[in-house]
Amino acid sequence: MNSQHISAYQQQLMDMRAALLAQIAEQRGGVVSRVEVAADHFGHPEDSGAQLASERELEFALGEREVAELSAIDAALARIASDTYGECIDCGVHITPARLHASPEAARCIHCQEKAEQ
């Protein structure tokens, strides 16, 4: 993969990272932590226990997804810095450009990703 392609993926990853951080900040109302937001959501005595449990699980699931997505983006940027971007972390083959275009944070080729998900 040439440096022009790498640079384009790097920019796309940095844009994705900035958008995700902006989304997190907007959802939390600025620099408020997820715990503080959750306390606001769950502090209403008129809410049922089931509703509170559902909202709490949703908050935690969103938090986990955000952390995983941010971690995947940061790992891809680290692979760019170490000159291993575009190589499957499991088998070492080159990840197809179509896969990287669709998911620039991809760390595995399709075959290894399918194995990992099973």
N, C-alpha and C. Protein backbone atom coordinates (compact mmCIF):
# COMPACT_ATOMS: atom_id res chain seq x y z
N MET A 1 0.86 -1.17 0.00
CA MET A 1 0.00 0.00 0.00
C MET A 1 0.91 1.23 0.00
N ASN A 2 0.60 2.18 -0.86
CA ASN A 2 1.47 3.35 -0.96
C ASN A 2 1.12 4.40 0.10
N SER A 3 2.02 5.35 0.26
CA SER A 3 1.87 6.36 1.31
C SER A 3 0.67 7.27 1.08
N GLN A 4 0.27 7.45 -0.16
CA GLN A 4 -0.91 8.28 -0.45
C GLN A 4 -2.18 7.61 0.09
N HIS A 5 -2.28 6.29 -0.10
CA HIS A 5 -3.42 5.57 0.43
C HIS A 5 -3.42 5.58 1.96
N ILE A 6 -2.26 5.35 2.53
CA ILE A 6 -2.11 5.36 3.99
C ILE A 6 -2.53 6.71 4.55
N SER A 7 -2.09 7.77 3.91
CA SER A 7 -2.43 9.12 4.36
C SER A 7 -3.93 9.36 4.31
N ALA A 8 -4.58 8.86 3.28
CA ALA A 8 -6.03 9.02 3.15
C ALA A 8 -6.74 8.25 4.27
N TYR A 9 -6.29 7.02 4.55
CA TYR A 9 -6.89 6.24 5.64
C TYR A 9 -6.64 6.91 6.98
N GLN A 10 -5.44 7.45 7.16
CA GLN A 10 -5.12 8.12 8.41
C GLN A 10 -6.04 9.32 8.63
N GLN A 11 -6.26 10.09 7.58
CA GLN A 11 -7.15 11.24 7.70
C GLN A 11 -8.58 10.80 8.01
N GLN A 12 -9.02 9.74 7.35
CA GLN A 12 -10.36 9.22 7.59
C GLN A 12 -10.50 8.75 9.04
N LEU A 13 -9.48 8.07 9.55
CA LEU A 13 -9.50 7.61 10.94
C LEU A 13 -9.51 8.78 11.92
N MET A 14 -8.71 9.80 11.65
CA MET A 14 -8.69 10.97 12.53
C MET A 14 -10.03 11.70 12.51
N ASP A 15 -10.67 11.76 11.34
CA ASP A 15 -12.00 12.37 11.23
C ASP A 15 -13.03 11.55 12.02
N MET A 16 -12.95 10.23 11.89
CA MET A 16 -13.86 9.35 12.64
C MET A 16 -13.67 9.53 14.14
N ARG A 17 -12.42 9.65 14.57
CA ARG A 17 -12.11 9.81 15.99
C ARG A 17 -12.67 11.13 16.51
N ALA A 18 -12.46 12.20 15.75
CA ALA A 18 -12.96 13.52 16.15
C ALA A 18 -14.49 13.52 16.21
N ALA A 19 -15.14 12.89 15.23
CA ALA A 19 -16.60 12.84 15.21
C ALA A 19 -17.14 12.04 16.39
N LEU A 20 -16.48 10.93 16.71
CA LEU A 20 -16.91 10.11 17.85
C LEU A 20 -16.74 10.87 19.15
N LEU A 21 -15.61 11.54 19.33
CA LEU A 21 -15.41 12.33 20.55
C LEU A 21 -16.41 13.47 20.67
N ALA A 22 -16.74 14.11 19.54
CA ALA A 22 -17.75 15.17 19.55
C ALA A 22 -19.12 14.61 19.90
N GLN A 23 -19.45 13.45 19.36
CA GLN A 23 -20.72 12.80 19.65
C GLN A 23 -20.83 12.46 21.13
N ILE A 24 -19.76 11.91 21.69
CA ILE A 24 -19.74 11.56 23.11
C ILE A 24 -19.93 12.82 23.96
N ALA A 25 -19.22 13.88 23.62
CA ALA A 25 -19.33 15.13 24.38
C ALA A 25 -20.74 15.70 24.28
N GLU A 26 -21.34 15.64 23.10
CA GLU A 26 -22.70 16.18 22.92
C GLU A 26 -23.72 15.36 23.71
N GLN A 27 -23.59 14.05 23.67
CA GLN A 27 -24.53 13.19 24.38
C GLN A 27 -24.43 13.37 25.89
N ARG A 28 -23.25 13.69 26.34
CA ARG A 28 -23.03 13.85 27.77
C ARG A 28 -23.18 15.30 28.22
N GLY A 29 -23.44 16.18 27.30
CA GLY A 29 -23.61 17.57 27.66
C GLY A 29 -22.31 18.28 27.95
N GLY A 30 -21.24 17.89 27.28
CA GLY A 30 -19.95 18.55 27.46
C GLY A 30 -18.94 17.61 28.06
N VAL A 31 -18.36 17.99 29.18
CA VAL A 31 -17.29 17.20 29.78
C VAL A 31 -17.80 16.35 30.94
N VAL A 32 -19.10 16.11 30.97
CA VAL A 32 -19.70 15.32 32.03
C VAL A 32 -19.41 13.85 31.77
N SER A 33 -19.12 13.11 32.81
CA SER A 33 -18.82 11.69 32.64
C SER A 33 -20.10 10.90 32.42
N ARG A 34 -19.95 9.69 31.89
CA ARG A 34 -21.09 8.81 31.65
C ARG A 34 -21.80 8.50 32.97
N VAL A 35 -21.06 8.39 34.05
CA VAL A 35 -21.65 8.09 35.36
C VAL A 35 -22.57 9.23 35.80
N GLU A 36 -22.11 10.47 35.60
CA GLU A 36 -22.93 11.62 35.97
C GLU A 36 -24.20 11.71 35.12
N VAL A 37 -24.08 11.40 33.84
CA VAL A 37 -25.25 11.40 32.97
C VAL A 37 -26.23 10.32 33.42
N ALA A 38 -25.70 9.15 33.73
CA ALA A 38 -26.54 8.04 34.17
C ALA A 38 -27.26 8.40 35.47
N ALA A 39 -26.57 9.07 36.39
CA ALA A 39 -27.19 9.48 37.66
C ALA A 39 -28.35 10.42 37.41
N ASP A 40 -28.21 11.33 36.44
CA ASP A 40 -29.31 12.23 36.09
C ASP A 40 -30.49 11.46 35.51
N HIS A 41 -30.20 10.50 34.66
CA HIS A 41 -31.26 9.72 34.02
C HIS A 41 -32.01 8.84 35.01
N PHE A 42 -31.29 8.32 36.00
CA PHE A 42 -31.88 7.33 36.88
C PHE A 42 -32.35 7.92 38.21
N GLY A 43 -32.30 9.19 38.36
CA GLY A 43 -32.64 9.82 39.63
C GLY A 43 -34.08 10.25 39.77
N HIS A 44 -34.96 9.81 38.90
CA HIS A 44 -36.36 10.23 38.94
C HIS A 44 -37.21 9.18 39.65
N PRO A 45 -37.80 9.53 40.80
CA PRO A 45 -38.56 8.55 41.58
C PRO A 45 -39.81 8.04 40.86
N GLU A 46 -40.31 8.77 39.88
CA GLU A 46 -41.53 8.35 39.18
C GLU A 46 -41.27 7.24 38.16
N ASP A 47 -40.02 6.97 37.83
CA ASP A 47 -39.67 5.93 36.86
C ASP A 47 -39.79 4.55 37.52
N SER A 48 -40.28 3.58 36.76
CA SER A 48 -40.40 2.21 37.27
C SER A 48 -39.03 1.55 37.35
N GLY A 49 -38.94 0.52 38.15
CA GLY A 49 -37.69 -0.21 38.29
C GLY A 49 -37.25 -0.83 36.98
N ALA A 50 -38.21 -1.36 36.22
CA ALA A 50 -37.88 -1.98 34.93
C ALA A 50 -37.37 -0.94 33.94
N GLN A 51 -37.99 0.23 33.95
CA GLN A 51 -37.55 1.30 33.05
C GLN A 51 -36.14 1.75 33.42
N LEU A 52 -35.89 1.87 34.69
CA LEU A 52 -34.55 2.28 35.14
C LEU A 52 -33.51 1.23 34.74
N ALA A 53 -33.84 -0.04 34.91
CA ALA A 53 -32.91 -1.10 34.55
C ALA A 53 -32.62 -1.09 33.06
N SER A 54 -33.65 -0.88 32.24
CA SER A 54 -33.47 -0.84 30.79
C SER A 54 -32.60 0.34 30.37
N GLU A 55 -32.88 1.50 30.96
CA GLU A 55 -32.10 2.68 30.62
C GLU A 55 -30.65 2.53 31.07
N ARG A 56 -30.45 1.93 32.23
CA ARG A 56 -29.09 1.73 32.75
C ARG A 56 -28.32 0.78 31.82
N GLU A 57 -28.95 -0.30 31.40
CA GLU A 57 -28.29 -1.24 30.49
C GLU A 57 -27.96 -0.59 29.16
N LEU A 58 -28.88 0.25 28.66
CA LEU A 58 -28.63 0.96 27.41
C LEU A 58 -27.46 1.91 27.55
N GLU A 59 -27.40 2.64 28.65
CA GLU A 59 -26.28 3.57 28.89
C GLU A 59 -24.95 2.82 28.91
N PHE A 60 -24.92 1.69 29.59
CA PHE A 60 -23.67 0.93 29.68
C PHE A 60 -23.29 0.32 28.34
N ALA A 61 -24.29 -0.14 27.59
CA ALA A 61 -24.01 -0.71 26.26
C ALA A 61 -23.46 0.36 25.33
N LEU A 62 -24.04 1.54 25.37
CA LEU A 62 -23.54 2.64 24.54
C LEU A 62 -22.12 3.01 24.94
N GLY A 63 -21.87 3.04 26.23
CA GLY A 63 -20.53 3.36 26.71
C GLY A 63 -19.50 2.34 26.25
N GLU A 64 -19.87 1.05 26.33
CA GLU A 64 -18.96 -0.01 25.89
C GLU A 64 -18.70 0.08 24.39
N ARG A 65 -19.74 0.37 23.61
CA ARG A 65 -19.58 0.49 22.16
C ARG A 65 -18.67 1.65 21.82
N GLU A 66 -18.87 2.79 22.50
CA GLU A 66 -18.04 3.96 22.25
C GLU A 66 -16.57 3.68 22.58
N VAL A 67 -16.33 3.03 23.69
CA VAL A 67 -14.96 2.70 24.10
C VAL A 67 -14.33 1.74 23.09
N ALA A 68 -15.08 0.73 22.67
CA ALA A 68 -14.55 -0.24 21.70
C ALA A 68 -14.25 0.43 20.37
N GLU A 69 -15.14 1.31 19.91
CA GLU A 69 -14.93 1.99 18.64
C GLU A 69 -13.72 2.92 18.72
N LEU A 70 -13.60 3.67 19.79
CA LEU A 70 -12.47 4.57 19.97
C LEU A 70 -11.17 3.78 20.07
N SER A 71 -11.20 2.67 20.76
CA SER A 71 -10.03 1.82 20.89
C SER A 71 -9.59 1.25 19.54
N ALA A 72 -10.56 0.83 18.72
CA ALA A 72 -10.24 0.29 17.39
C ALA A 72 -9.62 1.36 16.50
N ILE A 73 -10.13 2.58 16.59
CA ILE A 73 -9.59 3.69 15.80
C ILE A 73 -8.16 3.99 16.25
N ASP A 74 -7.96 4.08 17.56
CA ASP A 74 -6.62 4.36 18.08
C ASP A 74 -5.63 3.26 17.72
N ALA A 75 -6.09 2.00 17.74
CA ALA A 75 -5.22 0.88 17.37
C ALA A 75 -4.84 0.97 15.89
N ALA A 76 -5.78 1.36 15.04
CA ALA A 76 -5.48 1.52 13.61
C ALA A 76 -4.47 2.64 13.39
N LEU A 77 -4.63 3.74 14.10
CA LEU A 77 -3.67 4.84 13.99
C LEU A 77 -2.28 4.39 14.48
N ALA A 78 -2.25 3.55 15.51
CA ALA A 78 -0.96 3.02 16.00
C ALA A 78 -0.33 2.10 14.96
N ARG A 79 -1.16 1.32 14.24
CA ARG A 79 -0.62 0.45 13.18
C ARG A 79 -0.06 1.28 12.04
N ILE A 80 -0.68 2.42 11.76
CA ILE A 80 -0.15 3.32 10.73
C ILE A 80 1.23 3.82 11.17
N ALA A 81 1.32 4.23 12.44
CA ALA A 81 2.59 4.75 12.96
C ALA A 81 3.69 3.68 12.96
N SER A 82 3.30 2.42 13.16
CA SER A 82 4.30 1.35 13.20
C SER A 82 4.49 0.68 11.84
N ASP A 83 3.86 1.23 10.83
CA ASP A 83 4.00 0.74 9.45
C ASP A 83 3.48 -0.68 9.26
N THR A 84 2.44 -1.05 10.02
CA THR A 84 1.82 -2.37 9.85
C THR A 84 0.36 -2.25 9.45
N TYR A 85 -0.09 -1.04 9.14
CA TYR A 85 -1.49 -0.83 8.76
C TYR A 85 -1.80 -1.58 7.47
N GLY A 86 -2.97 -2.20 7.44
CA GLY A 86 -3.39 -2.93 6.25
C GLY A 86 -3.00 -4.39 6.27
N GLU A 87 -2.30 -4.82 7.32
CA GLU A 87 -1.93 -6.22 7.48
C GLU A 87 -2.81 -6.82 8.57
N CYS A 88 -3.33 -8.01 8.33
CA CYS A 88 -4.15 -8.71 9.32
C CYS A 88 -3.31 -8.99 10.56
N ILE A 89 -3.85 -8.67 11.72
CA ILE A 89 -3.10 -8.87 12.97
C ILE A 89 -3.00 -10.35 13.34
N ASP A 90 -3.83 -11.20 12.71
CA ASP A 90 -3.78 -12.63 13.02
C ASP A 90 -2.89 -13.41 12.05
N CYS A 91 -3.12 -13.23 10.74
CA CYS A 91 -2.40 -14.06 9.77
C CYS A 91 -1.36 -13.29 8.95
N GLY A 92 -1.38 -11.96 9.02
CA GLY A 92 -0.37 -11.16 8.34
C GLY A 92 -0.63 -10.86 6.87
N VAL A 93 -1.72 -11.39 6.29
CA VAL A 93 -2.00 -11.08 4.88
C VAL A 93 -2.52 -9.64 4.78
N HIS A 94 -2.45 -9.10 3.59
CA HIS A 94 -2.94 -7.74 3.37
C HIS A 94 -4.46 -7.72 3.38
N ILE A 95 -5.01 -6.78 4.09
CA ILE A 95 -6.47 -6.59 4.13
C ILE A 95 -6.85 -5.89 2.83
N THR A 96 -7.92 -6.34 2.21
CA THR A 96 -8.30 -5.79 0.91
C THR A 96 -8.64 -4.30 1.02
N PRO A 97 -8.31 -3.53 -0.01
CA PRO A 97 -8.66 -2.11 0.00
C PRO A 97 -10.16 -1.86 0.17
N ALA A 98 -10.99 -2.74 -0.38
CA ALA A 98 -12.44 -2.57 -0.23
C ALA A 98 -12.85 -2.65 1.24
N ARG A 99 -12.24 -3.58 1.98
CA ARG A 99 -12.55 -3.71 3.41
C ARG A 99 -12.05 -2.49 4.18
N LEU A 100 -10.85 -2.04 3.88
CA LEU A 100 -10.32 -0.86 4.57
C LEU A 100 -11.11 0.40 4.23
N HIS A 101 -11.58 0.47 2.99
CA HIS A 101 -12.40 1.63 2.60
C HIS A 101 -13.71 1.64 3.40
N ALA A 102 -14.32 0.47 3.55
CA ALA A 102 -15.58 0.38 4.28
C ALA A 102 -15.38 0.51 5.79
N SER A 103 -14.26 0.01 6.28
CA SER A 103 -13.98 -0.01 7.70
C SER A 103 -12.49 0.22 7.93
N PRO A 104 -12.05 1.48 7.90
CA PRO A 104 -10.61 1.75 7.98
C PRO A 104 -9.96 1.32 9.29
N GLU A 105 -10.76 1.06 10.30
CA GLU A 105 -10.19 0.60 11.58
C GLU A 105 -10.04 -0.91 11.63
N ALA A 106 -10.39 -1.62 10.55
CA ALA A 106 -10.32 -3.08 10.52
C ALA A 106 -8.90 -3.56 10.81
N ALA A 107 -8.82 -4.53 11.71
CA ALA A 107 -7.51 -5.07 12.10
C ALA A 107 -7.28 -6.46 11.51
N ARG A 108 -8.34 -7.06 11.01
CA ARG A 108 -8.24 -8.43 10.49
C ARG A 108 -8.80 -8.52 9.08
N CYS A 109 -8.28 -9.50 8.33
CA CYS A 109 -8.87 -9.81 7.04
C CYS A 109 -10.25 -10.43 7.29
N ILE A 110 -11.05 -10.52 6.26
CA ILE A 110 -12.41 -11.06 6.42
C ILE A 110 -12.37 -12.47 7.02
N HIS A 111 -11.50 -13.31 6.52
CA HIS A 111 -11.43 -14.70 6.99
C HIS A 111 -11.14 -14.76 8.50
N CYS A 112 -10.15 -14.03 8.94
CA CYS A 112 -9.79 -14.04 10.36
C CYS A 112 -10.86 -13.36 11.22
N GLN A 113 -11.50 -12.33 10.68
CA GLN A 113 -12.56 -11.66 11.43
C GLN A 113 -13.74 -12.61 11.65
N GLU A 114 -14.08 -13.37 10.63
CA GLU A 114 -15.16 -14.36 10.77
C GLU A 114 -14.81 -15.40 11.82
N LYS A 115 -13.56 -15.84 11.83
CA LYS A 115 -13.11 -16.79 12.86
C LYS A 115 -13.22 -16.18 14.25
N ALA A 116 -12.79 -14.94 14.38
CA ALA A 116 -12.80 -14.27 15.68
C ALA A 116 -14.21 -14.07 16.22
N GLU A 117 -15.17 -13.89 15.32
CA GLU A 117 -16.55 -13.66 15.75
C GLU A 117 -17.27 -14.94 16.14
N GLN A 118 -16.72 -16.09 15.78
CA GLN A 118 -17.39 -17.37 16.11
C GLN A 118 -17.12 -17.82 17.50
